[in-house]
Amino acid sequence: MRRGQPLLRCVLLSAALAAVASTPAASAAARGTYTDLHDFAGGVSDGVAPQASVTLDDLGNIYGTAASDAAGGLGVVFKLASDGTQTVLHSFSGSDGSAPLGGMVFMGTALYGTTSLGGANGDGVLFKLSENGNYEVLHNFSNNTDGRFAEGTLIRDKLGNLYGTASAGGTYDYGTVFKYGFDGTFTVLHAFHDVDGRYPSRGVVPDKDGNLYGATREGGDHDAGTVFKLAPNGQVTTLHSFSGWDGAYPYGRLDIDTDGNLYGATTNGGPNNVGTVFKVAPDGTFATLYTFTGDRHGGEPESDVLFAGGKVYGTTLVGGAQSCWCGVVYEITPAGKAKVLHAFTGTDGGGFSAGLVRRSHVFYGTTIAFGAHSKGVVFRLTKR
């Protein structure tokens, strides 16, 4: 299946996984205390199939998006209060966007995010949701000019500019990196054209000098994806082209440390063809930190990675508890030592999971499937 079309892939995955959602399984060597905070039930009053990282405020409230009717699009923005109360803040109607697959970012008291579909051109929107519930479409994506299928979490700089990626569309239909200025100006910073990669992954990360870094799922020297650098002057440099043996098809967003080293994961490739975790130094030096095995330790990591406390964290699509193979939450040290912090069992969530968000020693995330209603969960994982 073409990796430039992740929504269809996730819809099919959700339907397939739901068939075994009620099967309990023993957790594999968990190293964290796991709490299922919310089980999605479906419909516009709740949502279904959350596919994005959540956002936290200072009061302990959790905000996120759910694709709602997985077969038809639409979707919701939700709030999960610290007392467990869930509220839908906005239900997408199609004309104002549909199928939100990316996480949101706070700027002031407002949330900013994107949808992968819907809007004036059917190619998705960039939106603002104010604290008072006022919803505003800031930009309608247009396939051939500025991209379509924006599915990554936005980032913001100190001036209030927003940056993100569209996974397809643009001049060559291979995706774009864009900027939405604090003055309301929308700019395409780069349109991918095969040689430098195709279908950028779920967003970009900045360094202290204003460079943006990301990955593409396909393209490059071996058509297995790339890691790229986008300089403030618009110049794009390919830092690494995946060959398959060192990984293939990086799906999630990268993370960066204070020294400018990049960390990420590939969904496939590596010796076992179920993915790798990698590091790319600022000069382009590449190292494979860990090779997944696909068994109880997990495999096929599709989530964004999180670099925190000197270690890499993320989730996998498969592997874990034998009776379910619903994926795991993993930790990788710089030396390549791996720990399973939690193995999903189906009853507590599982399947494709978005990236983790960390607050002190506590992680928060979502899964697209499983849970009490087979429609995904929001979870908390406290590391032991």
Foldseek 3Di string as FASTA:
>chain_A
DDPLDVLVVLLVVLVVQLVCLPFFFDFDQAQWDKDFLDDAFADQFGAFFAQEEWDADPQGKIWGKHQGPSVPWWTFIWIQHPVSDIGTLDTGDQQLATAAQEYWDDDPQKIWGKHQAGHPARFIFIWIQHPVSDIDTLDDDDFAAAAGGQRAYWDADPQGKIWWKHQAGYNQRFIFIWIQDPVSDIDTLDDDHQQQAGGWARTWDAAPQGKTWTKHQAHHPQRFIFIWIQDPVSDIDTLDDDNQQLAGGFHETWDADNQGKIWGKHCAGHPQGFIFIWIAHPNSDIDTLEDDNQEQLAGRFNAYWDQDPQKIWGKHQAYRGPVRRFIFIWIAHSNNDIDTNIGDGSQSAGGNWYGWDDDPQKIWTKHCAGHPNGRITIMMIGGD
